[in-house]
Amino acid sequence: MWERIRTAIVLLIIVGTAMFATRTITLIIPLFLIITAVSAYEWAKMLPPLFKNPHEFLDTDKPLHQPIKEVNRKHQFLYSALVLKFVLISLWLPKTWAIWWGISAILWVCAIFWVKNFPHKTEQWYGKRLIGIGVTMIVACITAMFFLWRLSPWWLLYVFVLVWCADSGAYFVGRKLGKRKMSPHVSPNKSVEGLYGGLATGCLVVLGVSFGLLKNWSSLAIVLFLGLSLLTIVISVFGDLFESMMKRHAGIKDSGRILPGHGGVLDRIDSQLSAMPIFALGFWALQYFGVVHVA
């Protein structure tokens, strides 16, 4: 427990400093690139053994179904470099961000059905397609975080707090009242009642924020913002479930061991992986259609 707390405190200091210490990209971009590199490395650990050597890394003519075994570290580094390349290019092309978020949103809708059908019909998502899925989800998440940070670090913090509070609410409500399991084959501890608890907690967060950031907004804007926030909470649950599903298929407990007491980076950002692009896409749409105006 104390190891988890110490790690969490260190992470809060590092992330908080990068977000709020300066409005230049001096600190935030390196942080995002580190998150990208490590999470992509961990994602590659859960890929099926599709390649015999690095030169076949992007060969699409190989069969999909092979026995699960540990991915070669060279392939993990190659995949990490591949995702970093896409992130670096995308960060400097803001006009592409909404496209990444839109594609990611489609994948997360599909993930709902993949989780529901697990452990059956894994061919719908498992295989070489996980390479492209990983690239899309990580790039969408990082660009979404950068978009929100550029608007204001407080908007980025809002999504972090929204998901964290909803997750805590879901945990405590699910522990006390949880009876109907959401996906027993993926995560036996998550329940429908817990989801309701998370949504209720999220509503409290939105109400709290409405007295500050939203005080000059119209009633329509606040209602739509509430709907977007609740949708973000629901999708964040499937970010967690999807990563859990990948780990179960790969036969591992944690995506990595870089964070003492917490596992890997993916274990910490799995919910944000789905929440960030959904919220960013919705918030961008509210701005684009003139529903909200952010200074």
Protein backbone atom coordinates (compact mmCIF):
# COMPACT_ATOMS: atom_id res chain seq x y z
CA MET A 1 0.00 0.00 0.00
CA TRP A 2 2.70 2.51 1.00
CA GLU A 3 4.63 1.67 -2.15
CA ARG A 4 1.54 2.53 -4.23
CA ILE A 5 1.06 5.77 -2.32
CA ARG A 6 4.70 6.83 -2.74
CA THR A 7 4.58 6.12 -6.46
CA ALA A 8 1.29 8.02 -6.81
CA ILE A 9 2.74 11.07 -5.01
CA VAL A 10 5.80 11.11 -7.26
CA LEU A 11 3.61 10.80 -10.37
CA LEU A 12 1.35 13.65 -9.21
CA ILE A 13 4.36 15.90 -8.67
CA ILE A 14 5.87 15.10 -12.08
CA VAL A 15 2.61 15.39 -14.04
CA GLY A 16 1.43 18.45 -12.10
CA THR A 17 4.72 20.26 -12.68
CA ALA A 18 4.68 19.50 -16.41
CA MET A 19 1.07 20.69 -16.70
CA PHE A 20 1.18 23.87 -14.64
CA ALA A 21 4.79 25.06 -14.25
CA THR A 22 4.93 26.68 -17.69
CA ARG A 23 2.63 27.30 -20.66
CA THR A 24 5.43 26.47 -23.08
CA ILE A 25 5.82 22.93 -24.39
CA THR A 26 9.22 22.53 -22.71
CA LEU A 27 7.96 20.10 -20.08
CA ILE A 28 4.67 18.76 -21.36
CA ILE A 29 5.91 17.43 -24.72
CA PRO A 30 8.77 15.37 -23.20
CA LEU A 31 6.28 13.95 -20.68
CA PHE A 32 3.86 12.98 -23.44
CA LEU A 33 6.66 11.38 -25.46
CA ILE A 34 7.80 9.33 -22.47
CA ILE A 35 4.23 8.16 -21.88
CA THR A 36 3.97 7.28 -25.58
CA ALA A 37 7.23 5.34 -25.69
CA VAL A 38 6.59 3.31 -22.54
CA SER A 39 2.91 2.59 -23.20
CA ALA A 40 3.67 1.50 -26.79
CA TYR A 41 6.47 -0.74 -25.51
CA GLU A 42 4.03 -2.33 -23.07
CA TRP A 43 1.34 -2.65 -25.75
CA ALA A 44 3.78 -4.59 -27.94
CA LYS A 45 4.30 -7.00 -25.04
CA MET A 46 0.67 -8.07 -25.43
CA LEU A 47 0.79 -8.50 -29.21
CA PRO A 48 0.69 -12.02 -30.66
CA PRO A 49 4.01 -13.44 -31.92
CA LEU A 50 3.46 -12.44 -35.52
CA PHE A 51 7.04 -11.86 -36.59
CA LYS A 52 10.14 -13.99 -36.76
CA ASN A 53 12.54 -11.08 -37.12
CA PRO A 54 12.41 -7.26 -37.15
CA HIS A 55 12.44 -7.11 -40.97
CA GLU A 56 9.05 -8.79 -41.01
CA PHE A 57 7.55 -6.33 -38.51
CA LEU A 58 5.15 -4.76 -40.98
CA ASP A 59 4.68 -7.77 -43.23
CA THR A 60 0.93 -8.29 -43.62
CA ASP A 61 1.08 -11.67 -45.35
CA LYS A 62 1.82 -13.79 -42.28
CA PRO A 63 -0.86 -15.99 -40.69
CA LEU A 64 -2.70 -14.58 -37.67
CA HIS A 65 -3.17 -17.60 -35.45
CA GLN A 66 0.03 -18.67 -33.73
CA PRO A 67 0.77 -19.83 -30.17
CA ILE A 68 1.07 -17.05 -27.58
CA LYS A 69 4.61 -16.45 -26.34
CA GLU A 70 6.66 -13.54 -25.10
CA VAL A 71 7.25 -10.88 -27.73
CA ASN A 72 10.88 -10.25 -28.61
CA ARG A 73 12.16 -7.04 -26.97
CA LYS A 74 13.50 -5.87 -30.29
CA HIS A 75 9.94 -5.93 -31.62
CA GLN A 76 8.79 -3.97 -28.58
CA PHE A 77 11.38 -1.25 -29.23
CA LEU A 78 10.45 -1.18 -32.91
CA TYR A 79 6.77 -0.80 -32.11
CA SER A 80 7.54 1.91 -29.57
CA ALA A 81 9.55 3.79 -32.21
CA LEU A 82 6.72 3.36 -34.73
CA VAL A 83 4.12 4.86 -32.38
CA LEU A 84 6.49 7.67 -31.36
CA LYS A 85 6.89 8.57 -35.02
CA PHE A 86 3.12 8.82 -35.51
CA VAL A 87 2.72 10.87 -32.32
CA LEU A 88 5.48 13.32 -33.25
CA ILE A 89 4.01 13.86 -36.72
CA SER A 90 0.46 14.18 -35.39
CA LEU A 91 1.35 16.67 -32.64
CA TRP A 92 2.49 19.16 -35.27
CA LEU A 93 -0.56 18.59 -37.50
CA PRO A 94 -3.52 19.83 -35.40
CA LYS A 95 -5.94 19.47 -38.32
CA THR A 96 -5.51 15.69 -38.11
CA TRP A 97 -6.41 15.41 -34.43
CA ALA A 98 -10.18 15.18 -34.86
CA ILE A 99 -9.62 12.41 -37.42
CA TRP A 100 -7.59 10.39 -34.93
CA TRP A 101 -10.24 10.94 -32.25
CA GLY A 102 -13.04 9.94 -34.61
CA ILE A 103 -11.33 6.70 -35.63
CA SER A 104 -10.51 6.00 -32.00
CA ALA A 105 -14.17 6.57 -31.04
CA ILE A 106 -15.23 3.95 -33.61
CA LEU A 107 -12.69 1.49 -32.19
CA TRP A 108 -13.92 2.06 -28.64
CA VAL A 109 -17.50 1.39 -29.71
CA CYS A 110 -16.26 -1.85 -31.26
CA ALA A 111 -14.36 -2.59 -28.03
CA ILE A 112 -17.68 -2.69 -26.17
CA PHE A 113 -18.72 -5.68 -28.28
CA TRP A 114 -15.26 -7.27 -28.11
CA VAL A 115 -15.33 -7.16 -24.32
CA LYS A 116 -18.91 -8.46 -24.26
CA ASN A 117 -17.99 -11.46 -26.45
CA PHE A 118 -14.74 -12.35 -24.65
CA PRO A 119 -13.39 -15.06 -24.54
CA HIS A 120 -15.32 -15.99 -27.69
CA LYS A 121 -14.84 -14.35 -31.08
CA THR A 122 -11.39 -13.00 -30.19
CA GLU A 123 -10.55 -13.07 -33.89
CA GLN A 124 -12.53 -9.81 -34.15
CA TRP A 125 -9.69 -7.91 -32.49
CA TYR A 126 -6.76 -10.23 -31.77
CA GLY A 127 -3.98 -10.50 -34.33
CA LYS A 128 -2.12 -8.07 -36.54
CA ARG A 129 -4.97 -5.60 -36.31
CA LEU A 130 -3.79 -4.89 -32.75
CA ILE A 131 -0.78 -3.11 -34.27
CA GLY A 132 -2.98 -0.51 -35.93
CA ILE A 133 -5.42 -0.41 -33.01
CA GLY A 134 -2.57 0.39 -30.63
CA VAL A 135 -1.16 3.13 -32.85
CA THR A 136 -4.59 4.74 -33.23
CA MET A 137 -5.55 4.57 -29.56
CA ILE A 138 -2.24 5.89 -28.25
CA VAL A 139 -1.94 8.68 -30.83
CA ALA A 140 -5.56 9.70 -30.23
CA CYS A 141 -5.00 9.80 -26.46
CA ILE A 142 -1.79 11.85 -26.61
CA THR A 143 -3.12 14.37 -29.13
CA ALA A 144 -6.32 14.70 -27.08
CA MET A 145 -4.32 15.44 -23.93
CA PHE A 146 -2.23 18.02 -25.79
CA PHE A 147 -5.37 19.64 -27.24
CA LEU A 148 -6.94 19.99 -23.80
CA TRP A 149 -3.70 21.21 -22.24
CA ARG A 150 -3.37 23.89 -24.93
CA LEU A 151 -6.89 25.12 -24.10
CA SER A 152 -5.99 25.13 -20.40
CA PRO A 153 -4.20 22.73 -18.05
CA TRP A 154 -7.41 22.82 -16.01
CA TRP A 155 -9.35 21.11 -18.81
CA LEU A 156 -6.82 18.32 -18.93
CA LEU A 157 -6.95 18.06 -15.15
CA TYR A 158 -10.75 17.96 -15.35
CA VAL A 159 -10.74 14.74 -17.40
CA PHE A 160 -8.15 13.19 -15.09
CA VAL A 161 -10.23 14.03 -12.02
CA LEU A 162 -13.50 13.02 -13.69
CA VAL A 163 -12.22 9.55 -14.51
CA TRP A 164 -10.39 9.10 -11.20
CA CYS A 165 -13.43 10.12 -9.13
CA ALA A 166 -15.79 8.01 -11.23
CA ASP A 167 -13.46 5.03 -10.87
CA SER A 168 -13.34 5.51 -7.08
CA GLY A 169 -17.12 5.86 -6.90
CA ALA A 170 -17.56 2.73 -8.99
CA TYR A 171 -15.14 0.82 -6.76
CA PHE A 172 -16.85 1.65 -3.47
CA VAL A 173 -20.42 1.31 -4.74
CA GLY A 174 -19.59 -1.90 -6.59
CA ARG A 175 -17.91 -3.34 -3.52
CA LYS A 176 -20.96 -2.67 -1.34
CA LEU A 177 -23.85 -3.15 -3.77
CA GLY A 178 -22.42 -4.85 -6.85
CA LYS A 179 -24.39 -7.89 -7.99
CA ARG A 180 -24.68 -7.78 -11.79
CA LYS A 181 -21.27 -8.29 -13.38
CA MET A 182 -20.42 -6.21 -16.43
CA SER A 183 -17.93 -8.66 -17.91
CA PRO A 184 -17.11 -11.57 -15.56
CA HIS A 185 -14.69 -13.17 -18.01
CA VAL A 186 -12.61 -9.98 -18.26
CA SER A 187 -12.90 -8.27 -14.88
CA PRO A 188 -15.04 -10.09 -12.28
CA ASN A 189 -14.95 -7.11 -9.90
CA LYS A 190 -16.69 -4.61 -12.20
CA SER A 191 -20.45 -4.44 -11.81
CA VAL A 192 -23.36 -2.54 -13.34
CA GLU A 193 -24.11 -1.05 -9.91
CA GLY A 194 -20.51 0.14 -9.73
CA LEU A 195 -20.93 1.87 -13.09
CA TYR A 196 -24.00 3.67 -11.75
CA GLY A 197 -21.96 4.74 -8.74
CA GLY A 198 -19.24 6.05 -11.04
CA LEU A 199 -21.77 8.03 -13.07
CA ALA A 200 -23.26 9.53 -9.91
CA THR A 201 -19.80 10.55 -8.72
CA GLY A 202 -19.08 12.04 -12.14
CA CYS A 203 -22.25 14.13 -11.89
CA LEU A 204 -20.97 15.56 -8.61
CA VAL A 205 -17.68 16.48 -10.30
CA VAL A 206 -19.53 18.23 -13.15
CA LEU A 207 -21.72 20.11 -10.67
CA GLY A 208 -18.63 21.21 -8.78
CA VAL A 209 -16.93 22.42 -11.94
CA SER A 210 -20.10 24.19 -13.13
CA PHE A 211 -19.75 26.72 -10.30
CA GLY A 212 -16.31 27.65 -11.58
CA LEU A 213 -15.36 27.02 -15.20
CA LEU A 214 -18.95 26.88 -16.51
CA LYS A 215 -20.54 29.81 -14.72
CA ASN A 216 -20.88 31.88 -17.91
CA TRP A 217 -22.22 29.03 -20.06
CA SER A 218 -25.78 28.67 -21.30
CA SER A 219 -28.10 25.98 -19.94
CA LEU A 220 -27.84 24.07 -23.24
CA ALA A 221 -24.04 24.11 -23.08
CA ILE A 222 -24.03 22.81 -19.50
CA VAL A 223 -26.51 20.02 -20.32
CA LEU A 224 -24.46 18.92 -23.33
CA PHE A 225 -21.28 19.14 -21.29
CA LEU A 226 -22.86 16.93 -18.62
CA GLY A 227 -23.85 14.40 -21.30
CA LEU A 228 -20.33 14.42 -22.73
CA SER A 229 -18.83 13.92 -19.27
CA LEU A 230 -21.10 10.96 -18.53
CA LEU A 231 -20.31 9.41 -21.91
CA THR A 232 -16.62 9.87 -21.14
CA ILE A 233 -17.06 7.97 -17.86
CA VAL A 234 -18.83 5.06 -19.57
CA ILE A 235 -16.18 4.78 -22.28
CA SER A 236 -13.39 5.03 -19.69
CA VAL A 237 -14.68 1.78 -18.16
CA PHE A 238 -14.16 -0.01 -21.46
CA GLY A 239 -10.64 1.37 -21.72
CA ASP A 240 -9.90 -0.46 -18.49
CA LEU A 241 -11.76 -3.59 -19.62
CA PHE A 242 -10.08 -3.68 -23.02
CA GLU A 243 -6.60 -3.59 -21.51
CA SER A 244 -7.64 -6.26 -18.99
CA MET A 245 -8.90 -8.38 -21.88
CA MET A 246 -5.56 -8.03 -23.68
CA LYS A 247 -3.64 -8.99 -20.54
CA ARG A 248 -5.83 -12.05 -19.97
CA HIS A 249 -5.32 -13.15 -23.56
CA ALA A 250 -1.56 -12.65 -23.22
CA GLY A 251 -1.47 -14.41 -19.86
CA ILE A 252 0.09 -11.54 -17.89
CA LYS A 253 -1.02 -9.71 -14.75
CA ASP A 254 0.44 -6.25 -15.43
CA SER A 255 1.46 -4.50 -18.63
CA GLY A 256 4.83 -3.63 -17.07
CA ARG A 257 6.75 -3.04 -13.85
CA ILE A 258 8.02 0.50 -14.30
CA LEU A 259 5.70 1.95 -11.61
CA PRO A 260 6.26 0.23 -8.24
CA GLY A 261 2.98 -0.90 -6.76
CA HIS A 262 1.02 0.07 -9.87
CA GLY A 263 2.43 -2.08 -12.67
CA GLY A 264 3.00 -0.43 -16.03
CA VAL A 265 2.10 2.89 -17.61
CA LEU A 266 -0.74 1.27 -19.54
CA ASP A 267 -2.14 -0.01 -16.25
CA ARG A 268 -2.39 3.61 -15.09
CA ILE A 269 -3.69 5.22 -18.28
CA ASP A 270 -5.96 2.46 -19.61
CA SER A 271 -9.12 4.40 -18.69
CA GLN A 272 -7.64 7.66 -20.00
CA LEU A 273 -6.77 5.90 -23.26
CA SER A 274 -10.47 5.79 -24.12
CA ALA A 275 -11.71 8.79 -22.10
CA MET A 276 -9.36 11.47 -23.49
CA PRO A 277 -10.17 11.18 -27.23
CA ILE A 278 -13.92 10.86 -26.59
CA PHE A 279 -13.98 13.95 -24.39
CA ALA A 280 -11.67 15.90 -26.73
CA LEU A 281 -13.79 15.03 -29.78
CA GLY A 282 -17.00 16.05 -28.03
CA PHE A 283 -15.49 19.24 -26.60
CA TRP A 284 -14.02 20.15 -29.98
CA ALA A 285 -17.47 19.64 -31.57
CA LEU A 286 -19.12 21.87 -28.94
CA GLN A 287 -16.62 24.60 -29.80
CA TYR A 288 -16.85 24.05 -33.56
CA PHE A 289 -20.66 24.47 -33.56
CA GLY A 290 -20.46 27.49 -31.29
CA VAL A 291 -22.19 25.88 -28.30
CA VAL A 292 -19.31 26.75 -25.97
CA HIS A 293 -16.60 29.40 -26.18
CA VAL A 294 -13.29 28.86 -24.43
CA ALA A 295 -11.00 31.86 -24.05
